[in-house]
Amino acid sequence: MRFNLKNGRIFFRDRSLRNSLINEGYSVTGKKDFYLDPLEALYLVRERGAVLVYEGTELPSSELDRILGVDRRKYAVYRDLRKRGYSIGPDLYLRRENVAVKIFSPRDKLDNVKLSDFLAAIVDDDLDCTYFMVKCVDVSGEFNGFDDYFGEGVGEFSDQEKKNLHDDLVKRGCRVKSGLKFGTEFIAYVKRDEVHSRYMVKILRSGMEWIEIAGLARVAHGVKKVLLLALPGPDFLYFSITWFRP
């Protein structure tokens, strides 16, 4: 495979190559000159032996991310998922899972993250990728207001948000107990015949970082529970955070 770089764009004219790349899920555009996204071109050079030429000179693979302006973390995620067999475009949309991928570093805070359904790719300093699926969930249970959070003893909530979360979970039919040993505010049961709780529930507080969420999600996976992030508001919104192994 041989591609050309001109006026900041990567193009080629081999129609059979164009058809082959499209069949493999690459985002090729154009009718006569066929254009590739820099992210995909970089992958094809580094992983598939393609050559990128500028004014008759082959460009060095080691310098291409800088020359093409490709973010190293974005390329790390794209490369990792492509090599695992996923069909993914330069917009980092996973076609098979029908979900967008958003990239974070471990110390990024969730304060300004618009939570929705997406795959969070946490990329560390070594450019290793860990993934967590984020989904908005409707929490409900079978307990009709039954709650024994304080059992036979007397207790008090450490802050108003925790009390509000407790009351919201109870209103939704969950049985609520302390989640301290799991690092969360609560654990929640949703079915009367379940021996173990379904959820670990954590309030999404200001300053919370992805490294903390990642740790809690792995704990939840290890004890066969689902981590819920509770977003405070007039009514709480709940987002499940589950470890995703590609």
Protein backbone atom coordinates (compact mmCIF):
# COMPACT_ATOMS: atom_id res chain seq x y z
CA MET A 1 0.00 0.00 0.00
CA ARG A 2 1.30 3.39 -0.99
CA PHE A 3 -0.30 6.68 -0.02
CA ASN A 4 0.60 10.27 -0.83
CA LEU A 5 0.58 13.35 1.38
CA LYS A 6 -0.25 16.64 -0.34
CA ASN A 7 -1.66 19.88 1.04
CA GLY A 8 -2.18 18.19 4.38
CA ARG A 9 -4.35 15.39 2.94
CA ILE A 10 -3.59 11.70 2.41
CA PHE A 11 -4.75 10.22 -0.89
CA PHE A 12 -4.28 7.33 -3.33
CA ARG A 13 -5.81 6.27 -6.67
CA ASP A 14 -5.88 2.48 -6.55
CA ARG A 15 -9.59 1.57 -6.83
CA SER A 16 -9.11 -2.07 -5.84
CA LEU A 17 -7.28 -0.91 -2.69
CA ARG A 18 -10.09 1.53 -2.02
CA ASN A 19 -12.69 -1.27 -2.21
CA SER A 20 -10.60 -3.54 0.01
CA LEU A 21 -10.16 -0.85 2.67
CA ILE A 22 -13.86 0.01 2.66
CA ASN A 23 -14.70 -3.68 3.13
CA GLU A 24 -12.40 -3.68 6.17
CA GLY A 25 -14.27 -0.74 7.68
CA TYR A 26 -11.91 2.12 6.82
CA SER A 27 -13.41 5.54 6.08
CA VAL A 28 -12.30 6.15 2.50
CA THR A 29 -13.81 9.16 0.70
CA GLY A 30 -13.53 10.62 -2.78
CA LYS A 31 -14.45 9.52 -6.32
CA LYS A 32 -11.16 9.72 -8.25
CA ASP A 33 -8.61 10.63 -5.64
CA PHE A 34 -9.39 8.53 -2.57
CA TYR A 35 -8.74 10.12 0.82
CA LEU A 36 -7.87 8.57 4.16
CA ASP A 37 -8.17 10.01 7.64
CA PRO A 38 -4.71 10.60 9.20
CA LEU A 39 -5.53 8.28 12.10
CA GLU A 40 -6.32 5.38 9.79
CA ALA A 41 -3.35 6.12 7.55
CA LEU A 42 -1.03 6.08 10.56
CA TYR A 43 -2.39 2.67 11.58
CA LEU A 44 -1.97 1.26 8.08
CA VAL A 45 1.63 2.46 7.94
CA ARG A 46 2.62 1.19 11.38
CA GLU A 47 0.61 -2.03 11.50
CA ARG A 48 0.04 -3.03 7.87
CA GLY A 49 3.29 -2.02 6.18
CA ALA A 50 1.85 0.84 4.12
CA VAL A 51 4.12 3.64 2.88
CA LEU A 52 3.33 7.35 3.06
CA VAL A 53 5.15 9.54 0.53
CA TYR A 54 5.62 13.31 0.45
CA GLU A 55 7.14 14.87 -2.68
CA GLY A 56 8.69 11.54 -3.69
CA THR A 57 10.20 10.83 -0.24
CA GLU A 58 8.96 8.15 2.12
CA LEU A 59 8.10 9.65 5.48
CA PRO A 60 9.51 7.93 8.60
CA SER A 61 6.92 5.98 10.56
CA SER A 62 8.27 7.21 13.90
CA GLU A 63 7.50 10.84 13.02
CA LEU A 64 4.09 10.39 11.46
CA ASP A 65 1.96 11.13 14.52
CA ARG A 66 3.67 14.54 14.76
CA ILE A 67 3.57 15.18 11.00
CA LEU A 68 -0.08 14.20 10.70
CA GLY A 69 -1.14 15.85 13.96
CA VAL A 70 -2.56 12.64 15.43
CA ASP A 71 -3.07 12.60 19.20
CA ARG A 72 -1.03 9.75 20.74
CA ARG A 73 -3.75 8.70 23.17
CA LYS A 74 -6.38 8.64 20.44
CA TYR A 75 -4.10 6.53 18.26
CA ALA A 76 -3.40 4.17 21.19
CA VAL A 77 -7.15 3.53 21.62
CA TYR A 78 -7.79 3.18 17.88
CA ARG A 79 -4.85 0.79 17.46
CA ASP A 80 -5.79 -1.31 20.48
CA LEU A 81 -9.40 -1.79 19.39
CA ARG A 82 -8.52 -2.36 15.73
CA LYS A 83 -5.98 -5.04 16.65
CA ARG A 84 -8.63 -6.73 18.80
CA GLY A 85 -10.86 -7.06 15.74
CA TYR A 86 -13.28 -4.19 16.30
CA SER A 87 -14.67 -2.15 13.44
CA ILE A 88 -13.95 1.40 14.49
CA GLY A 89 -13.71 4.62 12.52
CA PRO A 90 -11.58 7.73 13.08
CA ASP A 91 -14.49 9.22 15.04
CA LEU A 92 -13.88 6.40 17.58
CA TYR A 93 -17.34 4.91 17.21
CA LEU A 94 -17.60 1.18 17.94
CA ARG A 95 -19.96 -0.10 15.28
CA ARG A 96 -20.61 -3.55 16.79
CA GLU A 97 -21.50 -2.15 20.23
CA ASN A 98 -23.20 0.91 18.72
CA VAL A 99 -21.43 3.20 21.16
CA ALA A 100 -19.00 6.11 21.05
CA VAL A 101 -15.59 5.91 22.73
CA LYS A 102 -14.44 8.80 24.93
CA ILE A 103 -10.82 9.07 26.04
CA PHE A 104 -9.65 10.05 29.52
CA SER A 105 -6.47 9.95 31.55
CA PRO A 106 -6.59 8.35 35.04
CA ARG A 107 -6.44 11.74 36.78
CA ASP A 108 -9.13 13.41 34.69
CA LYS A 109 -12.03 14.58 36.80
CA LEU A 110 -15.64 13.74 36.03
CA ASP A 111 -16.86 17.23 36.96
CA ASN A 112 -17.41 18.36 33.36
CA VAL A 113 -18.16 14.97 31.80
CA LYS A 114 -21.62 14.77 30.28
CA LEU A 115 -22.65 11.32 31.38
CA SER A 116 -24.55 9.27 28.81
CA ASP A 117 -24.09 5.89 27.15
CA PHE A 118 -20.45 5.61 26.03
CA LEU A 119 -17.31 3.52 26.35
CA ALA A 120 -14.71 5.22 28.53
CA ALA A 121 -11.14 4.49 27.44
CA ILE A 122 -8.70 5.27 30.25
CA VAL A 123 -5.21 5.70 28.80
CA ASP A 124 -2.27 5.73 31.20
CA ASP A 125 1.23 7.19 30.82
CA ASP A 126 2.42 4.02 29.06
CA LEU A 127 -0.46 4.38 26.57
CA ASP A 128 -2.07 1.19 27.90
CA CYS A 129 -5.87 1.25 27.60
CA THR A 130 -8.51 0.13 30.09
CA TYR A 131 -12.19 0.32 29.19
CA PHE A 132 -15.40 0.87 31.14
CA MET A 133 -18.90 0.85 29.69
CA VAL A 134 -21.04 3.72 30.97
CA LYS A 135 -24.82 3.37 30.67
CA CYS A 136 -27.78 5.25 32.09
CA VAL A 137 -29.92 2.76 34.02
CA ASP A 138 -33.40 2.80 35.52
CA VAL A 139 -33.02 1.51 39.07
CA SER A 140 -36.01 -0.24 40.61
CA GLY A 141 -36.64 -3.01 43.13
CA GLU A 142 -39.31 -5.17 44.77
CA PHE A 143 -39.20 -4.00 48.36
CA ASN A 144 -42.02 -1.44 48.40
CA GLY A 145 -40.22 0.94 50.72
CA PHE A 146 -38.77 -1.72 53.06
CA ASP A 147 -35.47 -0.56 54.53
CA ASP A 148 -33.25 -1.63 57.40
CA TYR A 149 -30.23 0.59 56.83
CA PHE A 150 -29.81 1.29 60.53
CA GLY A 151 -31.10 -2.10 61.66
CA GLU A 152 -31.97 -2.13 65.34
CA GLY A 153 -29.47 0.58 66.20
CA VAL A 154 -29.55 4.34 65.97
CA GLY A 155 -27.54 6.16 63.36
CA GLU A 156 -27.35 9.31 61.33
CA PHE A 157 -26.35 10.17 57.79
CA SER A 158 -22.97 11.84 57.31
CA ASP A 159 -24.39 14.45 54.89
CA GLN A 160 -27.64 15.48 53.26
CA GLU A 161 -26.71 14.10 49.83
CA LYS A 162 -26.19 10.66 51.31
CA LYS A 163 -29.60 10.82 53.01
CA ASN A 164 -31.20 11.99 49.76
CA LEU A 165 -29.59 9.09 47.90
CA HIS A 166 -30.79 6.62 50.55
CA ASP A 167 -34.34 7.95 50.35
CA ASP A 168 -34.34 7.87 46.54
CA LEU A 169 -33.17 4.23 46.45
CA VAL A 170 -35.80 3.23 49.01
CA LYS A 171 -38.47 5.08 47.01
CA ARG A 172 -37.39 3.04 43.98
CA GLY A 173 -37.98 -0.20 45.88
CA CYS A 174 -34.41 -1.05 46.85
CA ARG A 175 -33.25 -2.49 50.15
CA VAL A 176 -30.28 -0.38 51.23
CA LYS A 177 -27.29 -1.20 53.40
CA SER A 178 -23.91 0.39 54.06
CA GLY A 179 -21.38 0.08 51.26
CA LEU A 180 -18.39 1.09 53.37
CA LYS A 181 -16.46 -2.16 52.93
CA PHE A 182 -16.70 -1.71 49.15
CA GLY A 183 -15.76 1.99 49.19
CA THR A 184 -19.25 3.27 48.32
CA GLU A 185 -22.09 4.96 50.14
CA PHE A 186 -24.46 2.01 49.84
CA ILE A 187 -25.10 -1.42 48.48
CA ALA A 188 -28.60 -2.03 47.15
CA TYR A 189 -30.74 -5.16 46.84
CA VAL A 190 -33.47 -5.16 44.20
CA LYS A 191 -35.12 -8.61 44.48
CA ARG A 192 -36.44 -10.34 47.58
CA ASP A 193 -35.03 -13.74 46.64
CA GLU A 194 -31.47 -12.45 46.01
CA VAL A 195 -28.95 -13.41 48.67
CA HIS A 196 -26.43 -10.81 47.55
CA SER A 197 -26.88 -7.16 46.68
CA ARG A 198 -27.06 -6.14 43.02
CA TYR A 199 -25.46 -2.70 43.19
CA MET A 200 -22.62 -0.75 44.76
CA VAL A 201 -23.84 2.87 44.77
CA LYS A 202 -21.46 5.84 44.82
CA ILE A 203 -22.42 9.52 44.77
CA LEU A 204 -20.71 11.40 41.96
CA ARG A 205 -19.04 14.17 43.94
CA SER A 206 -17.01 17.14 42.72
CA GLY A 207 -13.35 16.31 42.11
CA MET A 208 -13.88 12.58 41.60
CA GLU A 209 -11.27 11.15 39.21
CA TRP A 210 -11.40 8.26 36.76
CA ILE A 211 -8.70 6.39 38.68
CA GLU A 212 -11.10 6.12 41.64
CA ILE A 213 -13.99 5.03 39.43
CA ALA A 214 -11.78 2.44 37.72
CA GLY A 215 -10.80 0.94 41.07
CA LEU A 216 -14.40 0.75 42.27
CA ALA A 217 -15.57 -0.79 38.99
CA ARG A 218 -12.94 -3.52 39.24
CA VAL A 219 -13.96 -4.21 42.85
CA ALA A 220 -17.60 -4.45 41.72
CA HIS A 221 -16.62 -6.87 38.95
CA GLY A 222 -14.68 -9.00 41.43
CA VAL A 223 -17.62 -9.34 43.83
CA LYS A 224 -20.21 -9.79 41.06
CA LYS A 225 -21.97 -6.48 41.60
CA VAL A 226 -22.59 -3.47 39.37
CA LEU A 227 -21.14 -0.08 40.26
CA LEU A 228 -23.67 2.72 40.05
CA LEU A 229 -22.67 6.37 39.98
CA ALA A 230 -25.50 8.46 41.39
CA LEU A 231 -25.70 11.94 39.88
CA PRO A 232 -27.39 14.29 42.38
CA GLY A 233 -30.29 16.46 41.30
CA PRO A 234 -34.02 16.93 41.94
CA ASP A 235 -34.15 13.22 41.08
CA PHE A 236 -30.99 11.13 41.07
CA LEU A 237 -29.72 9.79 37.76
CA TYR A 238 -27.90 6.47 37.86
CA PHE A 239 -25.11 5.32 35.57
CA SER A 240 -23.67 1.83 35.61
CA ILE A 241 -19.87 1.59 35.22
CA THR A 242 -18.80 -1.88 34.14
CA TRP A 243 -15.36 -3.16 33.22
CA PHE A 244 -15.28 -3.83 29.48
CA ARG A 245 -12.80 -6.40 28.24
CA PRO A 246 -12.47 -6.12 24.41
